[in-house]
Amino acid sequence: MATFAVDCPGCGVSKEHMTTTANQIGVHCSCGITFSVNIDEQAVDDWWERGES
């Protein structure tokens, strides 16, 4: 299975092992950023800072 990595737009940590066979990928980083990944472009699509609950 093909995989790729993207960097978190908040802290720059590489998030690895994303699969190219997924329909949609969402990532919750420990730095407080949530982002979605454009699988076709293998890049961060949209991101936002999570608020405190």
PDB file of N, CA and C in Angstrom:
ATOM      1  N   MET A   1       0.843  -1.165   0.000  1.00  0.00           N
ATOM      2  CA  MET A   1       0.000   0.000   0.000  1.00  0.00           C
ATOM      3  C   MET A   1       0.900   1.243   0.000  1.00  0.00           C
ATOM      4  N   ALA A   2       0.625   2.178  -0.866  1.00  0.00           N
ATOM      5  CA  ALA A   2       1.399   3.418  -0.958  1.00  0.00           C
ATOM      6  C   ALA A   2       1.027   4.356   0.183  1.00  0.00           C
ATOM      7  N   THR A   3       2.037   4.984   0.775  1.00  0.00           N
ATOM      8  CA  THR A   3       1.815   5.946   1.854  1.00  0.00           C
ATOM      9  C   THR A   3       2.616   7.216   1.575  1.00  0.00           C
ATOM     10  N   PHE A   4       2.260   8.280   2.295  1.00  0.00           N
ATOM     11  CA  PHE A   4       2.986   9.539   2.183  1.00  0.00           C
ATOM     12  C   PHE A   4       2.930  10.241   3.527  1.00  0.00           C
ATOM     13  N   ALA A   5       3.646  11.351   3.650  1.00  0.00           N
ATOM     14  CA  ALA A   5       3.685  12.121   4.893  1.00  0.00           C
ATOM     15  C   ALA A   5       3.418  13.590   4.589  1.00  0.00           C
ATOM     16  N   VAL A   6       2.857  14.296   5.564  1.00  0.00           N
ATOM     17  CA  VAL A   6       2.696  15.746   5.490  1.00  0.00           C
ATOM     18  C   VAL A   6       3.167  16.334   6.819  1.00  0.00           C
ATOM     19  N   ASP A   7       3.564  17.598   6.796  1.00  0.00           N
ATOM     20  CA  ASP A   7       3.985  18.283   8.016  1.00  0.00           C
ATOM     21  C   ASP A   7       2.813  19.030   8.624  1.00  0.00           C
ATOM     22  N   CYS A   8       2.695  18.971   9.934  1.00  0.00           N
ATOM     23  CA  CYS A   8       1.661  19.714  10.643  1.00  0.00           C
ATOM     24  C   CYS A   8       1.886  21.208  10.395  1.00  0.00           C
ATOM     25  N   PRO A   9       0.840  21.954  10.024  1.00  0.00           N
ATOM     26  CA  PRO A   9       1.006  23.391   9.790  1.00  0.00           C
ATOM     27  C   PRO A   9       1.228  24.183  11.081  1.00  0.00           C
ATOM     28  N   GLY A  10       1.016  23.569  12.233  1.00  0.00           N
ATOM     29  CA  GLY A  10       1.216  24.257  13.500  1.00  0.00           C
ATOM     30  C   GLY A  10       2.617  24.113  14.050  1.00  0.00           C
ATOM     31  N   CYS A  11       3.123  22.877  14.107  1.00  0.00           N
ATOM     32  CA  CYS A  11       4.427  22.631  14.743  1.00  0.00           C
ATOM     33  C   CYS A  11       5.479  22.085  13.787  1.00  0.00           C
ATOM     34  N   GLY A  12       5.070  21.680  12.585  1.00  0.00           N
ATOM     35  CA  GLY A  12       6.027  21.194  11.597  1.00  0.00           C
ATOM     36  C   GLY A  12       6.419  19.739  11.727  1.00  0.00           C
ATOM     37  N   VAL A  13       5.851  19.030  12.698  1.00  0.00           N
ATOM     38  CA  VAL A  13       6.172  17.617  12.880  1.00  0.00           C
ATOM     39  C   VAL A  13       5.591  16.810  11.716  1.00  0.00           C
ATOM     40  N   SER A  14       6.389  15.910  11.177  1.00  0.00           N
ATOM     41  CA  SER A  14       5.955  15.077  10.067  1.00  0.00           C
ATOM     42  C   SER A  14       4.943  14.044  10.544  1.00  0.00           C
ATOM     43  N   LYS A  15       3.804  14.000   9.879  1.00  0.00           N
ATOM     44  CA  LYS A  15       2.772  12.992  10.143  1.00  0.00           C
ATOM     45  C   LYS A  15       2.852  11.989   9.001  1.00  0.00           C
ATOM     46  N   GLU A  16       3.284  10.791   9.338  1.00  0.00           N
ATOM     47  CA  GLU A  16       3.626   9.797   8.320  1.00  0.00           C
ATOM     48  C   GLU A  16       2.562   8.713   8.179  1.00  0.00           C
ATOM     49  N   HIS A  17       2.782   7.891   7.179  1.00  0.00           N
ATOM     50  CA  HIS A  17       1.988   6.682   6.912  1.00  0.00           C
ATOM     51  C   HIS A  17       0.543   7.002   6.536  1.00  0.00           C
ATOM     52  N   MET A  18       0.343   8.074   5.795  1.00  0.00           N
ATOM     53  CA  MET A  18      -0.983   8.373   5.256  1.00  0.00           C
ATOM     54  C   MET A  18      -1.149   7.527   3.999  1.00  0.00           C
ATOM     55  N   THR A  19      -2.287   6.908   3.863  1.00  0.00           N
ATOM     56  CA  THR A  19      -2.504   6.015   2.733  1.00  0.00           C
ATOM     57  C   THR A  19      -3.157   6.742   1.564  1.00  0.00           C
ATOM     58  N   THR A  20      -2.745   6.387   0.372  1.00  0.00           N
ATOM     59  CA  THR A  20      -3.326   6.989  -0.829  1.00  0.00           C
ATOM     60  C   THR A  20      -4.650   6.329  -1.200  1.00  0.00           C
ATOM     61  N   THR A  21      -5.049   5.284  -0.484  1.00  0.00           N
ATOM     62  CA  THR A  21      -6.302   4.607  -0.795  1.00  0.00           C
ATOM     63  C   THR A  21      -7.466   5.118   0.054  1.00  0.00           C
ATOM     64  N   ALA A  22      -7.205   6.027   0.985  1.00  0.00           N
ATOM     65  CA  ALA A  22      -8.268   6.569   1.843  1.00  0.00           C
ATOM     66  C   ALA A  22      -9.130   7.555   1.058  1.00  0.00           C
ATOM     67  N   ASN A  23     -10.370   7.723   1.497  1.00  0.00           N
ATOM     68  CA  ASN A  23     -11.257   8.716   0.892  1.00  0.00           C
ATOM     69  C   ASN A  23     -11.043  10.091   1.503  1.00  0.00           C
ATOM     70  N   GLN A  24     -10.754  10.115   2.793  1.00  0.00           N
ATOM     71  CA  GLN A  24     -10.585  11.368   3.509  1.00  0.00           C
ATOM     72  C   GLN A  24      -9.685  11.124   4.705  1.00  0.00           C
ATOM     73  N   ILE A  25      -8.779  12.076   4.991  1.00  0.00           N
ATOM     74  CA  ILE A  25      -7.895  11.951   6.144  1.00  0.00           C
ATOM     75  C   ILE A  25      -7.994  13.222   6.975  1.00  0.00           C
ATOM     76  N   GLY A  26      -8.218  13.045   8.262  1.00  0.00           N
ATOM     77  CA  GLY A  26      -8.201  14.154   9.210  1.00  0.00           C
ATOM     78  C   GLY A  26      -7.185  13.846  10.291  1.00  0.00           C
ATOM     79  N   VAL A  27      -6.424  14.854  10.705  1.00  0.00           N
ATOM     80  CA  VAL A  27      -5.361  14.654  11.684  1.00  0.00           C
ATOM     81  C   VAL A  27      -5.565  15.616  12.846  1.00  0.00           C
ATOM     82  N   HIS A  28      -5.441  15.099  14.074  1.00  0.00           N
ATOM     83  CA  HIS A  28      -5.465  15.906  15.293  1.00  0.00           C
ATOM     84  C   HIS A  28      -4.062  15.837  15.882  1.00  0.00           C
ATOM     85  N   CYS A  29      -3.295  16.923  15.764  1.00  0.00           N
ATOM     86  CA  CYS A  29      -1.930  16.940  16.268  1.00  0.00           C
ATOM     87  C   CYS A  29      -1.925  17.328  17.747  1.00  0.00           C
ATOM     88  N   SER A  30      -0.924  16.858  18.473  1.00  0.00           N
ATOM     89  CA  SER A  30      -0.821  17.176  19.900  1.00  0.00           C
ATOM     90  C   SER A  30      -0.531  18.655  20.158  1.00  0.00           C
ATOM     91  N   CYS A  31      -0.145  19.413  19.137  1.00  0.00           N
ATOM     92  CA  CYS A  31       0.119  20.842  19.313  1.00  0.00           C
ATOM     93  C   CYS A  31      -1.164  21.670  19.351  1.00  0.00           C
ATOM     94  N   GLY A  32      -2.318  21.035  19.090  1.00  0.00           N
ATOM     95  CA  GLY A  32      -3.596  21.747  19.145  1.00  0.00           C
ATOM     96  C   GLY A  32      -4.177  22.089  17.782  1.00  0.00           C
ATOM     97  N   ILE A  33      -3.536  21.652  16.722  1.00  0.00           N
ATOM     98  CA  ILE A  33      -4.009  21.910  15.366  1.00  0.00           C
ATOM     99  C   ILE A  33      -4.723  20.667  14.837  1.00  0.00           C
ATOM    100  N   THR A  34      -5.827  20.890  14.147  1.00  0.00           N
ATOM    101  CA  THR A  34      -6.513  19.833  13.415  1.00  0.00           C
ATOM    102  C   THR A  34      -6.434  20.200  11.945  1.00  0.00           C
ATOM    103  N   PHE A  35      -6.154  19.215  11.094  1.00  0.00           N
ATOM    104  CA  PHE A  35      -6.109  19.523   9.666  1.00  0.00           C
ATOM    105  C   PHE A  35      -6.601  18.364   8.825  1.00  0.00           C
ATOM    106  N   SER A  36      -7.081  18.715   7.633  1.00  0.00           N
ATOM    107  CA  SER A  36      -7.489  17.704   6.665  1.00  0.00           C
ATOM    108  C   SER A  36      -6.420  17.640   5.583  1.00  0.00           C
ATOM    109  N   VAL A  37      -6.349  16.489   4.940  1.00  0.00           N
ATOM    110  CA  VAL A  37      -5.314  16.238   3.951  1.00  0.00           C
ATOM    111  C   VAL A  37      -5.947  15.995   2.591  1.00  0.00           C
ATOM    112  N   ASN A  38      -5.445  16.703   1.574  1.00  0.00           N
ATOM    113  CA  ASN A  38      -5.845  16.468   0.194  1.00  0.00           C
ATOM    114  C   ASN A  38      -5.024  15.276  -0.292  1.00  0.00           C
ATOM    115  N   ILE A  39      -5.672  14.148  -0.481  1.00  0.00           N
ATOM    116  CA  ILE A  39      -4.973  12.912  -0.822  1.00  0.00           C
ATOM    117  C   ILE A  39      -4.388  12.980  -2.225  1.00  0.00           C
ATOM    118  N   ASP A  40      -5.121  13.578  -3.175  1.00  0.00           N
ATOM    119  CA  ASP A  40      -4.615  13.676  -4.544  1.00  0.00           C
ATOM    120  C   ASP A  40      -3.339  14.505  -4.614  1.00  0.00           C
ATOM    121  N   GLU A  41      -3.292  15.620  -3.871  1.00  0.00           N
ATOM    122  CA  GLU A  41      -2.115  16.490  -3.879  1.00  0.00           C
ATOM    123  C   GLU A  41      -1.100  16.112  -2.799  1.00  0.00           C
ATOM    124  N   GLN A  42      -1.484  15.221  -1.890  1.00  0.00           N
ATOM    125  CA  GLN A  42      -0.652  14.789  -0.768  1.00  0.00           C
ATOM    126  C   GLN A  42      -0.123  16.003  -0.005  1.00  0.00           C
ATOM    127  N   ALA A  43      -1.072  16.891   0.361  1.00  0.00           N
ATOM    128  CA  ALA A  43      -0.738  18.137   1.049  1.00  0.00           C
ATOM    129  C   ALA A  43      -1.860  18.505   2.009  1.00  0.00           C
ATOM    130  N   VAL A  44      -1.556  19.397   2.970  1.00  0.00           N
ATOM    131  CA  VAL A  44      -2.578  19.897   3.895  1.00  0.00           C
ATOM    132  C   VAL A  44      -3.598  20.695   3.097  1.00  0.00           C
ATOM    133  N   ASP A  45      -4.876  20.389   3.310  1.00  0.00           N
ATOM    134  CA  ASP A  45      -5.955  21.040   2.574  1.00  0.00           C
ATOM    135  C   ASP A  45      -6.506  22.226   3.360  1.00  0.00           C
ATOM    136  N   ASP A  46      -6.854  22.000   4.612  1.00  0.00           N
ATOM    137  CA  ASP A  46      -7.428  23.033   5.470  1.00  0.00           C
ATOM    138  C   ASP A  46      -6.993  22.728   6.898  1.00  0.00           C
ATOM    139  N   TRP A  47      -6.824  23.767   7.716  1.00  0.00           N
ATOM    140  CA  TRP A  47      -6.418  23.521   9.098  1.00  0.00           C
ATOM    141  C   TRP A  47      -6.992  24.581  10.014  1.00  0.00           C
ATOM    142  N   TRP A  48      -7.103  24.239  11.298  1.00  0.00           N
ATOM    143  CA  TRP A  48      -7.624  25.163  12.299  1.00  0.00           C
ATOM    144  C   TRP A  48      -7.099  24.761  13.665  1.00  0.00           C
ATOM    145  N   GLU A  49      -7.098  25.734  14.567  1.00  0.00           N
ATOM    146  CA  GLU A  49      -6.675  25.489  15.939  1.00  0.00           C
ATOM    147  C   GLU A  49      -7.889  25.062  16.748  1.00  0.00           C
ATOM    148  N   ARG A  50      -7.742  23.959  17.471  1.00  0.00           N
ATOM    149  CA  ARG A  50      -8.844  23.475  18.289  1.00  0.00           C
ATOM    150  C   ARG A  50      -8.999  24.377  19.504  1.00  0.00           C
ATOM    151  N   GLY A  51     -10.229  24.689  19.848  1.00  0.00           N
ATOM    152  CA  GLY A  51     -10.492  25.463  21.053  1.00  0.00           C
ATOM    153  C   GLY A  51     -10.524  24.563  22.272  1.00  0.00           C
ATOM    154  N   GLU A  52     -10.333  25.154  23.437  1.00  0.00           N
ATOM    155  CA  GLU A  52     -10.416  24.374  24.667  1.00  0.00           C
ATOM    156  C   GLU A  52     -11.859  24.079  24.982  1.00  0.00           C
ATOM    157  N   SER A  53     -12.125  22.867  25.438  1.00  0.00           N
ATOM    158  CA  SER A  53     -13.495  22.448  25.764  1.00  0.00           C
ATOM    159  C   SER A  53     -13.786  22.647  27.229  1.00  0.00           C
TER     160      SER A  53
END
